[in-house]
C-alpha cells in the first residue's frame, strides 16, 4: 500500500521472522536457519531481521502451501 506521502509501508514489503514462520508453517528457528544458509533473504534492521514478503510468498507456493 502506498501512503499519501508516496512512501510504501514496511509491512507491505517485509515480514518478520515470526510472520514468515507462520506463513510457511515452520518454526521460527527454521526461518533463522534458512536465512543463515541463504535459502531466504534476511535484512537486519537494528535488532530485527526482516524478510521480503515476496520471497516468503514464493517459497509458500513452492512448498504447496495454499494462502
PDB file of N, CA and C in Angstrom:
ATOM      1  N   UNK A   1       0.839  -1.176   0.000  1.00  0.00           N
ATOM      2  CA  UNK A   1       0.000   0.000   0.000  1.00  0.00           C
ATOM      3  C   UNK A   1       0.884   1.240   0.000  1.00  0.00           C
ATOM      4  N   UNK A   2       0.521   2.196  -0.795  1.00  0.00           N
ATOM      5  CA  UNK A   2       1.273   3.441  -0.860  1.00  0.00           C
ATOM      6  C   UNK A   2       0.521   4.492  -0.052  1.00  0.00           C
ATOM      7  N   UNK A   3       1.231   5.124   0.861  1.00  0.00           N
ATOM      8  CA  UNK A   3       0.624   6.164   1.680  1.00  0.00           C
ATOM      9  C   UNK A   3       0.524   7.453   0.889  1.00  0.00           C
ATOM     10  N   UNK A   4      -0.191   8.427   1.436  1.00  0.00           N
ATOM     11  CA  UNK A   4      -0.371   9.707   0.748  1.00  0.00           C
ATOM     12  C   UNK A   4       0.948  10.394   0.439  1.00  0.00           C
ATOM     13  N   UNK A   5       1.934  10.156   1.283  1.00  0.00           N
ATOM     14  CA  UNK A   5       3.228  10.796   1.068  1.00  0.00           C
ATOM     15  C   UNK A   5       3.998  10.146  -0.079  1.00  0.00           C
ATOM     16  N   UNK A   6       3.449   9.055  -0.625  1.00  0.00           N
ATOM     17  CA  UNK A   6       4.127   8.367  -1.717  1.00  0.00           C
ATOM     18  C   UNK A   6       5.070   7.275  -1.245  1.00  0.00           C
ATOM     19  N   UNK A   7       5.136   7.071   0.066  1.00  0.00           N
ATOM     20  CA  UNK A   7       6.029   6.053   0.611  1.00  0.00           C
ATOM     21  C   UNK A   7       5.295   4.721   0.736  1.00  0.00           C
ATOM     22  N   UNK A   8       6.026   3.638   0.522  1.00  0.00           N
ATOM     23  CA  UNK A   8       5.472   2.301   0.683  1.00  0.00           C
ATOM     24  C   UNK A   8       5.641   1.895   2.131  1.00  0.00           C
ATOM     25  N   UNK A   9       4.582   1.332   2.718  1.00  0.00           N
ATOM     26  CA  UNK A   9       4.664   0.891   4.112  1.00  0.00           C
ATOM     27  C   UNK A   9       5.549  -0.337   4.226  1.00  0.00           C
ATOM     28  N   UNK A  10       6.329  -0.406   5.268  1.00  0.00           N
ATOM     29  CA  UNK A  10       7.247  -1.516   5.511  1.00  0.00           C
ATOM     30  C   UNK A  10       6.509  -2.840   5.574  1.00  0.00           C
ATOM     31  N   UNK A  11       5.318  -2.860   6.168  1.00  0.00           N
ATOM     32  CA  UNK A  11       4.557  -4.101   6.323  1.00  0.00           C
ATOM     33  C   UNK A  11       4.060  -4.655   4.993  1.00  0.00           C
ATOM     34  N   UNK A  12       4.033  -3.835   3.961  1.00  0.00           N
ATOM     35  CA  UNK A  12       3.632  -4.317   2.640  1.00  0.00           C
ATOM     36  C   UNK A  12       4.797  -4.966   1.905  1.00  0.00           C
ATOM     37  N   UNK A  13       6.004  -4.696   2.342  1.00  0.00           N
ATOM     38  CA  UNK A  13       7.190  -5.166   1.651  1.00  0.00           C
ATOM     39  C   UNK A  13       7.928  -6.274   2.398  1.00  0.00           C
ATOM     40  N   UNK A  14       7.903  -6.230   3.715  1.00  0.00           N
ATOM     41  CA  UNK A  14       8.665  -7.166   4.549  1.00  0.00           C
ATOM     42  C   UNK A  14       7.774  -7.822   5.592  1.00  0.00           C
ATOM     43  N   UNK A  15       8.201  -8.999   6.042  1.00  0.00           N
ATOM     44  CA  UNK A  15       7.558  -9.673   7.165  1.00  0.00           C
ATOM     45  C   UNK A  15       8.626 -10.015   8.195  1.00  0.00           C
ATOM     46  N   UNK A  16       8.208 -10.165   9.427  1.00  0.00           N
ATOM     47  CA  UNK A  16       9.141 -10.561  10.482  1.00  0.00           C
ATOM     48  C   UNK A  16       9.417 -12.059  10.366  1.00  0.00           C
ATOM     49  N   UNK A  17      10.395 -12.531  11.104  1.00  0.00           N
ATOM     50  CA  UNK A  17      10.707 -13.955  11.091  1.00  0.00           C
ATOM     51  C   UNK A  17       9.536 -14.755  11.655  1.00  0.00           C
ATOM     52  N   UNK A  18       8.853 -14.214  12.654  1.00  0.00           N
ATOM     53  CA  UNK A  18       7.700 -14.888  13.235  1.00  0.00           C
ATOM     54  C   UNK A  18       6.562 -14.980  12.216  1.00  0.00           C
ATOM     55  N   UNK A  19       6.312 -13.906  11.486  1.00  0.00           N
ATOM     56  CA  UNK A  19       5.271 -13.922  10.453  1.00  0.00           C
ATOM     57  C   UNK A  19       5.622 -14.905   9.340  1.00  0.00           C
ATOM     58  N   UNK A  20       6.889 -14.920   8.935  1.00  0.00           N
ATOM     59  CA  UNK A  20       7.329 -15.850   7.889  1.00  0.00           C
ATOM     60  C   UNK A  20       7.132 -17.293   8.350  1.00  0.00           C
ATOM     61  N   UNK A  21       7.460 -17.572   9.598  1.00  0.00           N
ATOM     62  CA  UNK A  21       7.286 -18.921  10.144  1.00  0.00           C
ATOM     63  C   UNK A  21       5.816 -19.323  10.117  1.00  0.00           C
ATOM     64  N   UNK A  22       4.949 -18.398  10.452  1.00  0.00           N
ATOM     65  CA  UNK A  22       3.518 -18.677  10.455  1.00  0.00           C
ATOM     66  C   UNK A  22       3.009 -18.952   9.037  1.00  0.00           C
ATOM     67  N   UNK A  23       3.431 -18.162   8.079  1.00  0.00           N
ATOM     68  CA  UNK A  23       3.002 -18.335   6.689  1.00  0.00           C
ATOM     69  C   UNK A  23       3.497 -19.674   6.136  1.00  0.00           C
ATOM     70  N   UNK A  24       4.731 -20.048   6.462  1.00  0.00           N
ATOM     71  CA  UNK A  24       5.351 -21.250   5.908  1.00  0.00           C
ATOM     72  C   UNK A  24       5.131 -22.500   6.754  1.00  0.00           C
ATOM     73  N   UNK A  25       4.408 -22.363   7.851  1.00  0.00           N
ATOM     74  CA  UNK A  25       4.101 -23.488   8.746  1.00  0.00           C
ATOM     75  C   UNK A  25       5.364 -24.183   9.260  1.00  0.00           C
ATOM     76  N   UNK A  26       6.346 -23.388   9.661  1.00  0.00           N
ATOM     77  CA  UNK A  26       7.571 -23.919  10.258  1.00  0.00           C
ATOM     78  C   UNK A  26       7.863 -23.127  11.532  1.00  0.00           C
ATOM     79  N   UNK A  27       8.841 -23.586  12.270  1.00  0.00           N
ATOM     80  CA  UNK A  27       9.255 -22.914  13.485  1.00  0.00           C
ATOM     81  C   UNK A  27      10.117 -21.696  13.150  1.00  0.00           C
ATOM     82  N   UNK A  28      10.109 -20.715  14.039  1.00  0.00           N
ATOM     83  CA  UNK A  28      10.923 -19.509  13.842  1.00  0.00           C
ATOM     84  C   UNK A  28      12.411 -19.846  13.736  1.00  0.00           C
ATOM     85  N   UNK A  29      12.837 -20.867  14.442  1.00  0.00           N
ATOM     86  CA  UNK A  29      14.240 -21.299  14.380  1.00  0.00           C
ATOM     87  C   UNK A  29      14.580 -21.776  12.967  1.00  0.00           C
ATOM     88  N   UNK A  30      13.638 -22.423  12.312  1.00  0.00           N
ATOM     89  CA  UNK A  30      13.843 -22.878  10.931  1.00  0.00           C
ATOM     90  C   UNK A  30      14.034 -21.688  10.004  1.00  0.00           C
ATOM     91  N   UNK A  31      13.238 -20.649  10.203  1.00  0.00           N
ATOM     92  CA  UNK A  31      13.382 -19.438   9.384  1.00  0.00           C
ATOM     93  C   UNK A  31      14.767 -18.838   9.582  1.00  0.00           C
ATOM     94  N   UNK A  32      15.202 -18.751  10.835  1.00  0.00           N
ATOM     95  CA  UNK A  32      16.530 -18.207  11.129  1.00  0.00           C
ATOM     96  C   UNK A  32      17.610 -19.029  10.424  1.00  0.00           C
ATOM     97  N   UNK A  33      17.468 -20.347  10.444  1.00  0.00           N
ATOM     98  CA  UNK A  33      18.432 -21.230   9.785  1.00  0.00           C
ATOM     99  C   UNK A  33      18.422 -21.019   8.273  1.00  0.00           C
ATOM    100  N   UNK A  34      17.236 -20.881   7.680  1.00  0.00           N
ATOM    101  CA  UNK A  34      17.134 -20.657   6.237  1.00  0.00           C
ATOM    102  C   UNK A  34      17.759 -19.330   5.841  1.00  0.00           C
ATOM    103  N   UNK A  35      17.621 -18.321   6.686  1.00  0.00           N
ATOM    104  CA  UNK A  35      18.244 -17.020   6.398  1.00  0.00           C
ATOM    105  C   UNK A  35      19.764 -17.168   6.446  1.00  0.00           C
ATOM    106  N   UNK A  36      20.265 -17.852   7.472  1.00  0.00           N
ATOM    107  CA  UNK A  36      21.720 -18.056   7.591  1.00  0.00           C
ATOM    108  C   UNK A  36      22.287 -18.813   6.399  1.00  0.00           C
ATOM    109  N   UNK A  37      21.541 -19.811   5.918  1.00  0.00           N
ATOM    110  CA  UNK A  37      22.011 -20.649   4.806  1.00  0.00           C
ATOM    111  C   UNK A  37      21.743 -20.020   3.440  1.00  0.00           C
ATOM    112  N   UNK A  38      21.021 -18.899   3.415  1.00  0.00           N
ATOM    113  CA  UNK A  38      20.765 -18.214   2.162  1.00  0.00           C
ATOM    114  C   UNK A  38      19.534 -18.701   1.417  1.00  0.00           C
ATOM    115  N   UNK A  39      18.748 -19.583   2.032  1.00  0.00           N
ATOM    116  CA  UNK A  39      17.529 -20.068   1.395  1.00  0.00           C
ATOM    117  C   UNK A  39      16.471 -18.962   1.343  1.00  0.00           C
ATOM    118  N   UNK A  40      16.511 -18.063   2.317  1.00  0.00           N
ATOM    119  CA  UNK A  40      15.675 -16.862   2.346  1.00  0.00           C
ATOM    120  C   UNK A  40      16.583 -15.664   2.569  1.00  0.00           C
ATOM    121  N   UNK A  41      16.218 -14.549   1.971  1.00  0.00           N
ATOM    122  CA  UNK A  41      16.980 -13.319   2.193  1.00  0.00           C
ATOM    123  C   UNK A  41      16.469 -12.659   3.463  1.00  0.00           C
ATOM    124  N   UNK A  42      17.371 -12.236   4.302  1.00  0.00           N
ATOM    125  CA  UNK A  42      17.001 -11.516   5.501  1.00  0.00           C
ATOM    126  C   UNK A  42      17.759 -10.211   5.570  1.00  0.00           C
ATOM    127  N   UNK A  43      17.071  -9.162   5.951  1.00  0.00           N
ATOM    128  CA  UNK A  43      17.717  -7.859   6.095  1.00  0.00           C
ATOM    129  C   UNK A  43      17.628  -7.430   7.548  1.00  0.00           C
ATOM    130  N   UNK A  44      18.770  -7.240   8.140  1.00  0.00           N
ATOM    131  CA  UNK A  44      18.837  -6.860   9.544  1.00  0.00           C
ATOM    132  C   UNK A  44      18.662  -5.342   9.657  1.00  0.00           C
ATOM    133  N   UNK A  45      17.656  -4.944  10.401  1.00  0.00           N
ATOM    134  CA  UNK A  45      17.404  -3.532  10.669  1.00  0.00           C
ATOM    135  C   UNK A  45      17.411  -3.383  12.184  1.00  0.00           C
ATOM    136  N   UNK A  46      18.504  -2.855  12.688  1.00  0.00           N
ATOM    137  CA  UNK A  46      18.672  -2.806  14.144  1.00  0.00           C
ATOM    138  C   UNK A  46      18.808  -4.215  14.680  1.00  0.00           C
ATOM    139  N   UNK A  47      17.943  -4.573  15.607  1.00  0.00           N
ATOM    140  CA  UNK A  47      17.980  -5.918  16.192  1.00  0.00           C
ATOM    141  C   UNK A  47      16.985  -6.869  15.534  1.00  0.00           C
ATOM    142  N   UNK A  48      16.272  -6.384  14.542  1.00  0.00           N
ATOM    143  CA  UNK A  48      15.208  -7.166  13.911  1.00  0.00           C
ATOM    144  C   UNK A  48      15.639  -7.601  12.510  1.00  0.00           C
ATOM    145  N   UNK A  49      15.364  -8.854  12.181  1.00  0.00           N
ATOM    146  CA  UNK A  49      15.611  -9.351  10.837  1.00  0.00           C
ATOM    147  C   UNK A  49      14.289  -9.395  10.092  1.00  0.00           C
ATOM    148  N   UNK A  50      14.234  -8.713   8.962  1.00  0.00           N
ATOM    149  CA  UNK A  50      13.031  -8.696   8.138  1.00  0.00           C
ATOM    150  C   UNK A  50      13.296  -9.466   6.854  1.00  0.00           C
ATOM    151  N   UNK A  51      12.244 -10.102   6.353  1.00  0.00           N
ATOM    152  CA  UNK A  51      12.354 -10.935   5.168  1.00  0.00           C
ATOM    153  C   UNK A  51      11.412 -10.383   4.109  1.00  0.00           C
ATOM    154  N   UNK A  52      11.881 -10.247   2.864  1.00  0.00           N
ATOM    155  CA  UNK A  52      10.998  -9.757   1.802  1.00  0.00           C
ATOM    156  C   UNK A  52       9.746 -10.628   1.677  1.00  0.00           C
ATOM    157  N   UNK A  53       8.600  -9.985   1.715  1.00  0.00           N
ATOM    158  CA  UNK A  53       7.324 -10.684   1.672  1.00  0.00           C
ATOM    159  C   UNK A  53       7.182 -11.529   0.401  1.00  0.00           C
ATOM    160  N   UNK A  54       7.642 -11.011  -0.726  1.00  0.00           N
ATOM    161  CA  UNK A  54       7.549 -11.746  -1.987  1.00  0.00           C
ATOM    162  C   UNK A  54       8.336 -13.059  -1.935  1.00  0.00           C
ATOM    163  N   UNK A  55       9.483 -13.063  -1.245  1.00  0.00           N
ATOM    164  CA  UNK A  55      10.276 -14.286  -1.119  1.00  0.00           C
ATOM    165  C   UNK A  55       9.535 -15.333  -0.298  1.00  0.00           C
ATOM    166  N   UNK A  56       8.873 -14.884   0.763  1.00  0.00           N
ATOM    167  CA  UNK A  56       8.117 -15.803   1.619  1.00  0.00           C
ATOM    168  C   UNK A  56       6.932 -16.380   0.846  1.00  0.00           C
ATOM    169  N   UNK A  57       6.223 -15.531   0.111  1.00  0.00           N
ATOM    170  CA  UNK A  57       5.072 -15.998  -0.660  1.00  0.00           C
ATOM    171  C   UNK A  57       5.502 -16.957  -1.775  1.00  0.00           C
ATOM    172  N   UNK A  58       6.631 -16.675  -2.405  1.00  0.00           N
ATOM    173  CA  UNK A  58       7.149 -17.565  -3.448  1.00  0.00           C
ATOM    174  C   UNK A  58       7.517 -18.923  -2.859  1.00  0.00           C
ATOM    175  N   UNK A  59       8.134 -18.924  -1.683  1.00  0.00           N
ATOM    176  CA  UNK A  59       8.501 -20.178  -1.043  1.00  0.00           C
ATOM    177  C   UNK A  59       7.247 -20.952  -0.630  1.00  0.00           C
ATOM    178  N   UNK A  60       6.217 -20.244  -0.191  1.00  0.00           N
ATOM    179  CA  UNK A  60       4.968 -20.902   0.177  1.00  0.00           C
ATOM    180  C   UNK A  60       4.365 -21.612  -1.031  1.00  0.00           C
ATOM    181  N   UNK A  61       4.360 -20.942  -2.177  1.00  0.00           N
ATOM    182  CA  UNK A  61       3.851 -21.571  -3.399  1.00  0.00           C
ATOM    183  C   UNK A  61       4.684 -22.778  -3.788  1.00  0.00           C
ATOM    184  N   UNK A  62       5.995 -22.645  -3.663  1.00  0.00           N
ATOM    185  CA  UNK A  62       6.915 -23.729  -3.993  1.00  0.00           C
ATOM    186  C   UNK A  62       6.679 -24.933  -3.083  1.00  0.00           C
ATOM    187  N   UNK A  63       6.337 -24.683  -1.822  1.00  0.00           N
ATOM    188  CA  UNK A  63       6.099 -25.754  -0.859  1.00  0.00           C
ATOM    189  C   UNK A  63       4.662 -26.279  -0.913  1.00  0.00           C
ATOM    190  N   UNK A  64       3.839 -25.695  -1.782  1.00  0.00           N
ATOM    191  CA  UNK A  64       2.473 -26.159  -1.938  1.00  0.00           C
ATOM    192  C   UNK A  64       1.523 -25.679  -0.853  1.00  0.00           C
ATOM    193  N   UNK A  65       1.869 -24.576  -0.205  1.00  0.00           N
ATOM    194  CA  UNK A  65       1.033 -24.022   0.859  1.00  0.00           C
ATOM    195  C   UNK A  65       0.017 -23.098   0.222  1.00  0.00           C
ATOM    196  N   UNK A  66      -1.244 -23.338   0.487  1.00  0.00           N
ATOM    197  CA  UNK A  66      -2.305 -22.515  -0.074  1.00  0.00           C
ATOM    198  C   UNK A  66      -2.507 -21.303   0.829  1.00  0.00           C
ATOM    199  N   UNK A  67      -2.498 -20.129   0.246  1.00  0.00           N
ATOM    200  CA  UNK A  67      -2.676 -18.896   1.016  1.00  0.00           C
ATOM    201  C   UNK A  67      -4.050 -18.307   0.788  1.00  0.00           C
TER     202      UNK A  67
END
